[in-house]
Amino acid sequence: MHYARGLGDLVQPDDLLAMSGLEFMTGMLEGRLPAPPISRIMGYGLHAVERGRVVFRGTPEFDVTNPTGTVHGGWYGTLLDSAMACAVMTLVPKGATYTTLEYKINIVRAVPLGTEIDCEGLTDHVGRSTGVAHGEIRGVADGRLYAMGSTTCIIMTTQRR
């Protein structure tokens, strides 16, 4: 397997296409494949993977706050986009990949800094060309709902050289 160097190691496209999406996501969970650099920056990591479901776990800290000192809305959006799109990825076959076409989030309440959360993404539909999923951010200790979202992803079948 080959990795690109930059902000971190990334799986090369040909290597990615040789795996199913579930194999790729499981490889990241088990540490055989590198995590995306954004997860370090945003303070979350992959916690669970199965067909049609992904959970990221994290804790927002000061570096993800907005000028008023609360968790920035982009943190919620990035985390939900990651979980929902990666849930779609678990159902993508070998020789294909995906990307987010659109997503929507609703922030119900602010996550207090230092609160450990889970962000779960669940697929609703994955076909040949699109995938649809939804997600929630909840407190680990109390299950309190902080945000929810939905996404549509495009699935792209790529011809290997």
N, C-alpha and C. Protein backbone atom coordinates (compact mmCIF):
# COMPACT_ATOMS: atom_id res chain seq x y z
N MET A 1 0.84 -1.16 0.00
CA MET A 1 0.00 0.00 0.00
C MET A 1 0.89 1.24 0.00
N HIS A 2 0.50 2.24 -0.75
CA HIS A 2 1.27 3.48 -0.86
C HIS A 2 0.51 4.62 -0.21
N TYR A 3 1.26 5.54 0.41
CA TYR A 3 0.65 6.69 1.06
C TYR A 3 1.27 7.96 0.51
N ALA A 4 0.46 9.00 0.40
CA ALA A 4 0.95 10.32 0.01
C ALA A 4 1.41 11.03 1.28
N ARG A 5 2.42 11.83 1.17
CA ARG A 5 2.89 12.61 2.31
C ARG A 5 2.34 14.02 2.21
N GLY A 6 2.11 14.63 3.32
CA GLY A 6 1.60 15.99 3.38
C GLY A 6 1.28 16.28 4.82
N LEU A 7 0.06 16.71 5.09
CA LEU A 7 -0.38 16.96 6.46
C LEU A 7 -0.46 15.66 7.25
N GLY A 8 -0.38 14.56 6.59
CA GLY A 8 -0.42 13.24 7.20
C GLY A 8 -0.40 12.22 6.08
N ASP A 9 -0.33 10.99 6.43
CA ASP A 9 -0.36 9.96 5.40
C ASP A 9 -1.78 9.78 4.90
N LEU A 10 -1.92 9.67 3.60
CA LEU A 10 -3.21 9.43 2.98
C LEU A 10 -3.10 8.23 2.05
N VAL A 11 -4.13 7.44 1.96
CA VAL A 11 -4.15 6.29 1.05
C VAL A 11 -4.23 6.80 -0.39
N GLN A 12 -3.41 6.23 -1.27
CA GLN A 12 -3.42 6.62 -2.68
C GLN A 12 -4.69 6.12 -3.36
N PRO A 13 -5.17 6.83 -4.39
CA PRO A 13 -6.42 6.47 -5.06
C PRO A 13 -6.50 5.02 -5.54
N ASP A 14 -5.45 4.50 -6.17
CA ASP A 14 -5.50 3.11 -6.66
C ASP A 14 -5.64 2.11 -5.51
N ASP A 15 -4.99 2.40 -4.39
CA ASP A 15 -5.12 1.52 -3.22
C ASP A 15 -6.52 1.60 -2.63
N LEU A 16 -7.08 2.80 -2.58
CA LEU A 16 -8.43 2.99 -2.08
C LEU A 16 -9.44 2.22 -2.94
N LEU A 17 -9.28 2.30 -4.26
CA LEU A 17 -10.22 1.64 -5.17
C LEU A 17 -10.11 0.12 -5.12
N ALA A 18 -9.03 -0.40 -4.59
CA ALA A 18 -8.85 -1.86 -4.48
C ALA A 18 -9.57 -2.43 -3.26
N MET A 19 -10.13 -1.55 -2.42
CA MET A 19 -10.85 -1.98 -1.21
C MET A 19 -12.31 -1.59 -1.30
N SER A 20 -13.15 -2.34 -0.60
CA SER A 20 -14.52 -1.88 -0.42
C SER A 20 -14.50 -0.74 0.59
N GLY A 21 -15.55 0.03 0.64
CA GLY A 21 -15.63 1.10 1.62
C GLY A 21 -15.57 0.60 3.04
N LEU A 22 -16.19 -0.55 3.30
CA LEU A 22 -16.15 -1.14 4.64
C LEU A 22 -14.73 -1.56 5.01
N GLU A 23 -13.99 -2.15 4.05
CA GLU A 23 -12.59 -2.51 4.31
C GLU A 23 -11.76 -1.26 4.62
N PHE A 24 -12.00 -0.20 3.88
CA PHE A 24 -11.27 1.05 4.09
C PHE A 24 -11.55 1.61 5.48
N MET A 25 -12.82 1.71 5.83
CA MET A 25 -13.20 2.28 7.14
C MET A 25 -12.71 1.39 8.29
N THR A 26 -12.79 0.08 8.13
CA THR A 26 -12.30 -0.84 9.16
C THR A 26 -10.79 -0.72 9.31
N GLY A 27 -10.09 -0.54 8.19
CA GLY A 27 -8.64 -0.35 8.24
C GLY A 27 -8.26 0.89 9.03
N MET A 28 -9.03 1.96 8.89
CA MET A 28 -8.76 3.17 9.69
C MET A 28 -9.06 2.92 11.16
N LEU A 29 -10.17 2.27 11.45
CA LEU A 29 -10.53 1.99 12.85
C LEU A 29 -9.45 1.16 13.53
N GLU A 30 -8.92 0.16 12.83
CA GLU A 30 -7.92 -0.74 13.40
C GLU A 30 -6.51 -0.15 13.36
N GLY A 31 -6.33 1.02 12.76
CA GLY A 31 -5.02 1.66 12.72
C GLY A 31 -4.11 1.16 11.61
N ARG A 32 -4.62 0.31 10.72
CA ARG A 32 -3.81 -0.17 9.58
C ARG A 32 -3.73 0.88 8.48
N LEU A 33 -4.71 1.78 8.45
CA LEU A 33 -4.74 2.88 7.49
C LEU A 33 -4.78 4.19 8.27
N PRO A 34 -4.22 5.24 7.70
CA PRO A 34 -4.14 6.51 8.43
C PRO A 34 -5.50 7.19 8.56
N ALA A 35 -5.69 7.86 9.68
CA ALA A 35 -6.88 8.68 9.89
C ALA A 35 -6.72 9.98 9.11
N PRO A 36 -7.82 10.62 8.74
CA PRO A 36 -7.70 11.89 8.02
C PRO A 36 -7.12 12.98 8.93
N PRO A 37 -6.26 13.83 8.39
CA PRO A 37 -5.64 14.88 9.20
C PRO A 37 -6.65 15.78 9.91
N ILE A 38 -7.81 16.01 9.30
CA ILE A 38 -8.79 16.91 9.91
C ILE A 38 -9.30 16.40 11.26
N SER A 39 -9.27 15.09 11.46
CA SER A 39 -9.74 14.56 12.74
C SER A 39 -8.85 15.01 13.90
N ARG A 40 -7.55 15.14 13.64
CA ARG A 40 -6.64 15.65 14.68
C ARG A 40 -6.94 17.11 14.99
N ILE A 41 -7.11 17.88 13.94
CA ILE A 41 -7.36 19.31 14.09
C ILE A 41 -8.66 19.56 14.84
N MET A 42 -9.69 18.78 14.54
CA MET A 42 -11.02 19.01 15.10
C MET A 42 -11.26 18.27 16.41
N GLY A 43 -10.35 17.39 16.81
CA GLY A 43 -10.48 16.73 18.11
C GLY A 43 -11.45 15.58 18.17
N TYR A 44 -11.50 14.78 17.11
CA TYR A 44 -12.35 13.59 17.14
C TYR A 44 -11.65 12.45 16.40
N GLY A 45 -12.11 11.23 16.67
CA GLY A 45 -11.54 10.06 16.02
C GLY A 45 -12.59 8.99 15.80
N LEU A 46 -12.28 8.09 14.91
CA LEU A 46 -13.18 6.98 14.59
C LEU A 46 -13.29 6.06 15.79
N HIS A 47 -14.52 5.74 16.18
CA HIS A 47 -14.77 4.94 17.37
C HIS A 47 -15.42 3.59 17.05
N ALA A 48 -16.28 3.53 16.02
CA ALA A 48 -16.97 2.28 15.66
C ALA A 48 -17.31 2.30 14.18
N VAL A 49 -17.26 1.12 13.56
CA VAL A 49 -17.59 0.96 12.14
C VAL A 49 -18.33 -0.35 11.96
N GLU A 50 -19.42 -0.31 11.21
CA GLU A 50 -20.10 -1.52 10.74
C GLU A 50 -20.84 -1.13 9.47
N ARG A 51 -21.40 -2.10 8.78
CA ARG A 51 -22.12 -1.80 7.54
C ARG A 51 -23.23 -0.79 7.81
N GLY A 52 -23.14 0.35 7.14
CA GLY A 52 -24.19 1.36 7.24
C GLY A 52 -24.14 2.23 8.48
N ARG A 53 -23.10 2.10 9.30
CA ARG A 53 -23.02 2.85 10.55
C ARG A 53 -21.57 3.19 10.90
N VAL A 54 -21.35 4.44 11.29
CA VAL A 54 -20.03 4.90 11.74
C VAL A 54 -20.25 5.78 12.96
N VAL A 55 -19.36 5.67 13.94
CA VAL A 55 -19.38 6.56 15.10
C VAL A 55 -18.01 7.19 15.26
N PHE A 56 -18.01 8.52 15.36
CA PHE A 56 -16.82 9.26 15.72
C PHE A 56 -17.01 9.73 17.16
N ARG A 57 -15.93 9.76 17.93
CA ARG A 57 -15.97 10.23 19.31
C ARG A 57 -14.97 11.37 19.45
N GLY A 58 -15.36 12.39 20.18
CA GLY A 58 -14.47 13.52 20.36
C GLY A 58 -14.88 14.42 21.50
N THR A 59 -14.05 15.40 21.73
CA THR A 59 -14.27 16.38 22.79
C THR A 59 -13.86 17.75 22.27
N PRO A 60 -14.81 18.68 22.11
CA PRO A 60 -14.43 20.00 21.64
C PRO A 60 -13.64 20.74 22.72
N GLU A 61 -12.56 21.36 22.29
CA GLU A 61 -11.71 22.14 23.19
C GLU A 61 -11.63 23.58 22.67
N PHE A 62 -10.90 24.42 23.35
CA PHE A 62 -10.85 25.84 23.06
C PHE A 62 -10.55 26.16 21.60
N ASP A 63 -9.69 25.39 20.94
CA ASP A 63 -9.27 25.69 19.57
C ASP A 63 -10.40 25.61 18.55
N VAL A 64 -11.57 25.06 18.90
CA VAL A 64 -12.70 24.99 17.95
C VAL A 64 -13.81 25.97 18.32
N THR A 65 -13.48 26.98 19.11
CA THR A 65 -14.49 27.97 19.48
C THR A 65 -14.54 29.14 18.50
N ASN A 66 -15.67 29.82 18.51
CA ASN A 66 -15.83 31.04 17.72
C ASN A 66 -15.44 32.24 18.57
N PRO A 67 -15.54 33.45 18.07
CA PRO A 67 -15.11 34.62 18.84
C PRO A 67 -15.86 34.84 20.16
N THR A 68 -17.06 34.24 20.30
CA THR A 68 -17.80 34.39 21.56
C THR A 68 -17.48 33.30 22.57
N GLY A 69 -16.58 32.37 22.19
CA GLY A 69 -16.15 31.33 23.13
C GLY A 69 -16.99 30.07 23.14
N THR A 70 -17.93 29.95 22.21
CA THR A 70 -18.71 28.70 22.12
C THR A 70 -18.21 27.88 20.94
N VAL A 71 -18.56 26.60 20.92
CA VAL A 71 -18.11 25.72 19.84
C VAL A 71 -18.65 26.25 18.50
N HIS A 72 -17.75 26.42 17.55
CA HIS A 72 -18.08 26.95 16.23
C HIS A 72 -19.02 26.00 15.49
N GLY A 73 -19.98 26.57 14.76
CA GLY A 73 -20.92 25.75 13.98
C GLY A 73 -20.23 24.85 12.98
N GLY A 74 -19.08 25.26 12.48
CA GLY A 74 -18.34 24.44 11.53
C GLY A 74 -17.84 23.14 12.14
N TRP A 75 -17.63 23.13 13.46
CA TRP A 75 -17.21 21.90 14.14
C TRP A 75 -18.34 20.87 14.06
N TYR A 76 -19.56 21.31 14.37
CA TYR A 76 -20.72 20.41 14.28
C TYR A 76 -20.88 19.89 12.85
N GLY A 77 -20.77 20.81 11.88
CA GLY A 77 -20.94 20.43 10.48
C GLY A 77 -19.88 19.47 9.99
N THR A 78 -18.63 19.73 10.36
CA THR A 78 -17.53 18.85 9.96
C THR A 78 -17.70 17.46 10.56
N LEU A 79 -18.03 17.40 11.83
CA LEU A 79 -18.19 16.13 12.51
C LEU A 79 -19.36 15.33 11.92
N LEU A 80 -20.50 15.99 11.73
CA LEU A 80 -21.66 15.30 11.14
C LEU A 80 -21.37 14.89 9.70
N ASP A 81 -20.74 15.74 8.91
CA ASP A 81 -20.39 15.38 7.53
C ASP A 81 -19.49 14.15 7.53
N SER A 82 -18.52 14.10 8.43
CA SER A 82 -17.62 12.94 8.51
C SER A 82 -18.39 11.67 8.81
N ALA A 83 -19.20 11.69 9.84
CA ALA A 83 -19.92 10.48 10.27
C ALA A 83 -20.94 10.02 9.23
N MET A 84 -21.72 10.94 8.71
CA MET A 84 -22.76 10.56 7.75
C MET A 84 -22.15 10.05 6.44
N ALA A 85 -21.16 10.77 5.91
CA ALA A 85 -20.54 10.36 4.65
C ALA A 85 -19.76 9.05 4.81
N CYS A 86 -19.10 8.88 5.94
CA CYS A 86 -18.36 7.63 6.17
C CYS A 86 -19.31 6.45 6.34
N ALA A 87 -20.51 6.70 6.88
CA ALA A 87 -21.52 5.63 6.94
C ALA A 87 -21.87 5.19 5.52
N VAL A 88 -22.03 6.16 4.62
CA VAL A 88 -22.27 5.82 3.21
C VAL A 88 -21.08 5.03 2.66
N MET A 89 -19.87 5.46 2.98
CA MET A 89 -18.67 4.79 2.48
C MET A 89 -18.65 3.31 2.85
N THR A 90 -19.20 2.94 4.01
CA THR A 90 -19.18 1.53 4.41
C THR A 90 -19.96 0.63 3.45
N LEU A 91 -20.79 1.21 2.60
CA LEU A 91 -21.58 0.43 1.64
C LEU A 91 -21.14 0.63 0.19
N VAL A 92 -20.03 1.34 0.00
CA VAL A 92 -19.49 1.57 -1.35
C VAL A 92 -18.65 0.36 -1.74
N PRO A 93 -18.88 -0.19 -2.95
CA PRO A 93 -18.12 -1.39 -3.36
C PRO A 93 -16.70 -1.06 -3.82
N LYS A 94 -15.89 -2.12 -3.97
CA LYS A 94 -14.55 -1.96 -4.56
C LYS A 94 -14.70 -1.27 -5.91
N GLY A 95 -13.71 -0.45 -6.25
CA GLY A 95 -13.71 0.22 -7.55
C GLY A 95 -14.53 1.51 -7.56
N ALA A 96 -15.06 1.90 -6.41
CA ALA A 96 -15.86 3.12 -6.34
C ALA A 96 -15.43 3.95 -5.14
N THR A 97 -15.79 5.21 -5.17
CA THR A 97 -15.55 6.11 -4.05
C THR A 97 -16.75 7.04 -3.96
N TYR A 98 -16.70 8.01 -3.07
CA TYR A 98 -17.84 8.89 -2.86
C TYR A 98 -17.35 10.28 -2.49
N THR A 99 -18.26 11.22 -2.53
CA THR A 99 -18.03 12.54 -1.94
C THR A 99 -19.38 13.14 -1.58
N THR A 100 -19.36 14.07 -0.66
CA THR A 100 -20.59 14.72 -0.22
C THR A 100 -21.08 15.67 -1.30
N LEU A 101 -22.37 15.55 -1.64
CA LEU A 101 -23.01 16.52 -2.55
C LEU A 101 -23.59 17.68 -1.75
N GLU A 102 -24.27 17.36 -0.66
CA GLU A 102 -24.84 18.39 0.19
C GLU A 102 -25.09 17.80 1.57
N TYR A 103 -25.12 18.66 2.56
CA TYR A 103 -25.54 18.24 3.88
C TYR A 103 -26.20 19.39 4.60
N LYS A 104 -27.02 19.05 5.57
CA LYS A 104 -27.74 20.03 6.37
C LYS A 104 -27.60 19.62 7.82
N ILE A 105 -27.43 20.61 8.69
CA ILE A 105 -27.36 20.31 10.11
C ILE A 105 -28.31 21.23 10.88
N ASN A 106 -28.74 20.75 12.03
CA ASN A 106 -29.50 21.54 12.99
C ASN A 106 -28.79 21.41 14.33
N ILE A 107 -28.36 22.54 14.89
CA ILE A 107 -27.75 22.54 16.21
C ILE A 107 -28.87 22.78 17.21
N VAL A 108 -29.07 21.84 18.12
CA VAL A 108 -30.14 21.91 19.10
C VAL A 108 -29.70 22.70 20.33
N ARG A 109 -28.47 22.47 20.76
CA ARG A 109 -27.90 23.19 21.91
C ARG A 109 -26.38 23.15 21.79
N ALA A 110 -25.73 24.06 22.48
CA ALA A 110 -24.27 24.14 22.44
C ALA A 110 -23.65 22.99 23.23
N VAL A 111 -22.61 22.40 22.68
CA VAL A 111 -21.82 21.40 23.41
C VAL A 111 -20.87 22.17 24.32
N PRO A 112 -20.94 21.96 25.62
CA PRO A 112 -19.97 22.63 26.50
C PRO A 112 -18.55 22.13 26.22
N LEU A 113 -17.58 23.03 26.23
CA LEU A 113 -16.19 22.63 26.02
C LEU A 113 -15.83 21.54 27.01
N GLY A 114 -15.07 20.56 26.54
CA GLY A 114 -14.63 19.46 27.39
C GLY A 114 -15.63 18.33 27.53
N THR A 115 -16.77 18.41 26.84
CA THR A 115 -17.79 17.36 26.90
C THR A 115 -17.51 16.30 25.85
N GLU A 116 -17.36 15.06 26.27
CA GLU A 116 -17.13 13.97 25.32
C GLU A 116 -18.44 13.64 24.61
N ILE A 117 -18.36 13.58 23.28
CA ILE A 117 -19.55 13.31 22.48
C ILE A 117 -19.31 12.14 21.52
N ASP A 118 -20.39 11.53 21.10
CA ASP A 118 -20.39 10.58 19.99
C ASP A 118 -21.17 11.20 18.85
N CYS A 119 -20.68 11.04 17.65
CA CYS A 119 -21.40 11.46 16.45
C CYS A 119 -21.62 10.21 15.61
N GLU A 120 -22.87 9.79 15.52
CA GLU A 120 -23.23 8.57 14.80
C GLU A 120 -23.82 8.93 13.45
N GLY A 121 -23.35 8.27 12.42
CA GLY A 121 -23.90 8.38 11.07
C GLY A 121 -24.52 7.05 10.68
N LEU A 122 -25.74 7.10 10.14
CA LEU A 122 -26.47 5.90 9.72
C LEU A 122 -26.98 6.08 8.29
N THR A 123 -26.82 5.07 7.46
CA THR A 123 -27.30 5.17 6.09
C THR A 123 -28.81 4.95 6.04
N ASP A 124 -29.43 5.68 5.13
CA ASP A 124 -30.86 5.49 4.83
C ASP A 124 -31.03 4.78 3.49
N HIS A 125 -30.12 5.06 2.56
CA HIS A 125 -30.17 4.45 1.22
C HIS A 125 -28.79 4.59 0.59
N VAL A 126 -28.32 3.52 -0.01
CA VAL A 126 -27.11 3.58 -0.84
C VAL A 126 -27.39 2.78 -2.10
N GLY A 127 -27.34 3.48 -3.23
CA GLY A 127 -27.56 2.84 -4.53
C GLY A 127 -26.31 2.92 -5.38
N ARG A 128 -26.49 2.81 -6.70
CA ARG A 128 -25.34 2.86 -7.60
C ARG A 128 -24.72 4.24 -7.72
N SER A 129 -25.54 5.28 -7.60
CA SER A 129 -25.00 6.63 -7.84
C SER A 129 -25.16 7.60 -6.68
N THR A 130 -26.01 7.28 -5.72
CA THR A 130 -26.17 8.19 -4.58
C THR A 130 -26.29 7.40 -3.27
N GLY A 131 -25.96 8.10 -2.21
CA GLY A 131 -26.15 7.57 -0.87
C GLY A 131 -26.75 8.66 0.00
N VAL A 132 -27.66 8.26 0.89
CA VAL A 132 -28.33 9.20 1.78
C VAL A 132 -28.14 8.69 3.20
N ALA A 133 -27.82 9.60 4.12
CA ALA A 133 -27.60 9.20 5.51
C ALA A 133 -28.05 10.33 6.44
N HIS A 134 -28.18 9.98 7.71
CA HIS A 134 -28.48 10.97 8.74
C HIS A 134 -27.56 10.74 9.92
N GLY A 135 -27.48 11.73 10.81
CA GLY A 135 -26.58 11.60 11.94
C GLY A 135 -27.01 12.44 13.12
N GLU A 136 -26.41 12.12 14.27
CA GLU A 136 -26.67 12.85 15.50
C GLU A 136 -25.39 13.00 16.30
N ILE A 137 -25.28 14.10 17.01
CA ILE A 137 -24.22 14.30 17.99
C ILE A 137 -24.88 14.25 19.36
N ARG A 138 -24.39 13.33 20.21
CA ARG A 138 -24.95 13.15 21.55
C ARG A 138 -23.83 13.06 22.57
N GLY A 139 -24.13 13.48 23.79
CA GLY A 139 -23.18 13.34 24.89
C GLY A 139 -22.97 11.89 25.24
N VAL A 140 -21.72 11.50 25.48
CA VAL A 140 -21.41 10.12 25.85
C VAL A 140 -21.97 9.79 27.24
N ALA A 141 -21.80 10.70 28.18
CA ALA A 141 -22.20 10.43 29.57
C ALA A 141 -23.72 10.39 29.76
N ASP A 142 -24.44 11.27 29.05
CA ASP A 142 -25.87 11.40 29.33
C ASP A 142 -26.78 11.19 28.12
N GLY A 143 -26.22 10.99 26.93
CA GLY A 143 -27.03 10.77 25.73
C GLY A 143 -27.75 12.02 25.24
N ARG A 144 -27.42 13.16 25.77
CA ARG A 144 -28.08 14.41 25.42
C ARG A 144 -27.82 14.75 23.95
N LEU A 145 -28.89 15.13 23.23
CA LEU A 145 -28.79 15.49 21.81
C LEU A 145 -28.29 16.93 21.67
N TYR A 146 -27.23 17.11 20.87
CA TYR A 146 -26.67 18.44 20.61
C TYR A 146 -26.93 18.91 19.18
N ALA A 147 -26.90 18.00 18.22
CA ALA A 147 -27.11 18.39 16.83
C ALA A 147 -27.50 17.16 16.02
N MET A 148 -28.12 17.42 14.88
CA MET A 148 -28.50 16.35 13.96
C MET A 148 -28.32 16.85 12.53
N GLY A 149 -28.25 15.91 11.60
CA GLY A 149 -28.06 16.32 10.22
C GLY A 149 -28.45 15.23 9.24
N SER A 150 -28.40 15.61 7.96
CA SER A 150 -28.65 14.66 6.87
C SER A 150 -27.72 15.00 5.72
N THR A 151 -27.46 14.01 4.89
CA THR A 151 -26.55 14.22 3.77
C THR A 151 -26.98 13.43 2.55
N THR A 152 -26.56 13.90 1.40
CA THR A 152 -26.63 13.15 0.15
C THR A 152 -25.22 13.11 -0.41
N CYS A 153 -24.77 11.92 -0.75
CA CYS A 153 -23.44 11.72 -1.33
C CYS A 153 -23.56 11.18 -2.74
N ILE A 154 -22.61 11.50 -3.58
CA ILE A 154 -22.52 10.90 -4.91
C ILE A 154 -21.53 9.75 -4.83
N ILE A 155 -21.88 8.65 -5.46
CA ILE A 155 -21.00 7.48 -5.53
C ILE A 155 -20.45 7.42 -6.95
N MET A 156 -19.12 7.38 -7.04
CA MET A 156 -18.46 7.44 -8.34
C MET A 156 -17.70 6.15 -8.58
N THR A 157 -18.06 5.48 -9.66
CA THR A 157 -17.33 4.28 -10.08
C THR A 157 -16.21 4.73 -10.99
N THR A 158 -15.00 4.33 -10.67
CA THR A 158 -13.83 4.79 -11.39
C THR A 158 -13.21 3.63 -12.16
N GLN A 159 -12.82 3.89 -13.38
CA GLN A 159 -12.12 2.88 -14.18
C GLN A 159 -10.67 2.85 -13.72
N ARG A 160 -10.19 1.71 -13.31
CA ARG A 160 -8.78 1.57 -12.91
C ARG A 160 -7.92 1.43 -14.14
N ARG A 161 -6.71 1.94 -14.06
CA ARG A 161 -5.77 1.87 -15.20
C ARG A 161 -5.03 0.58 -15.19
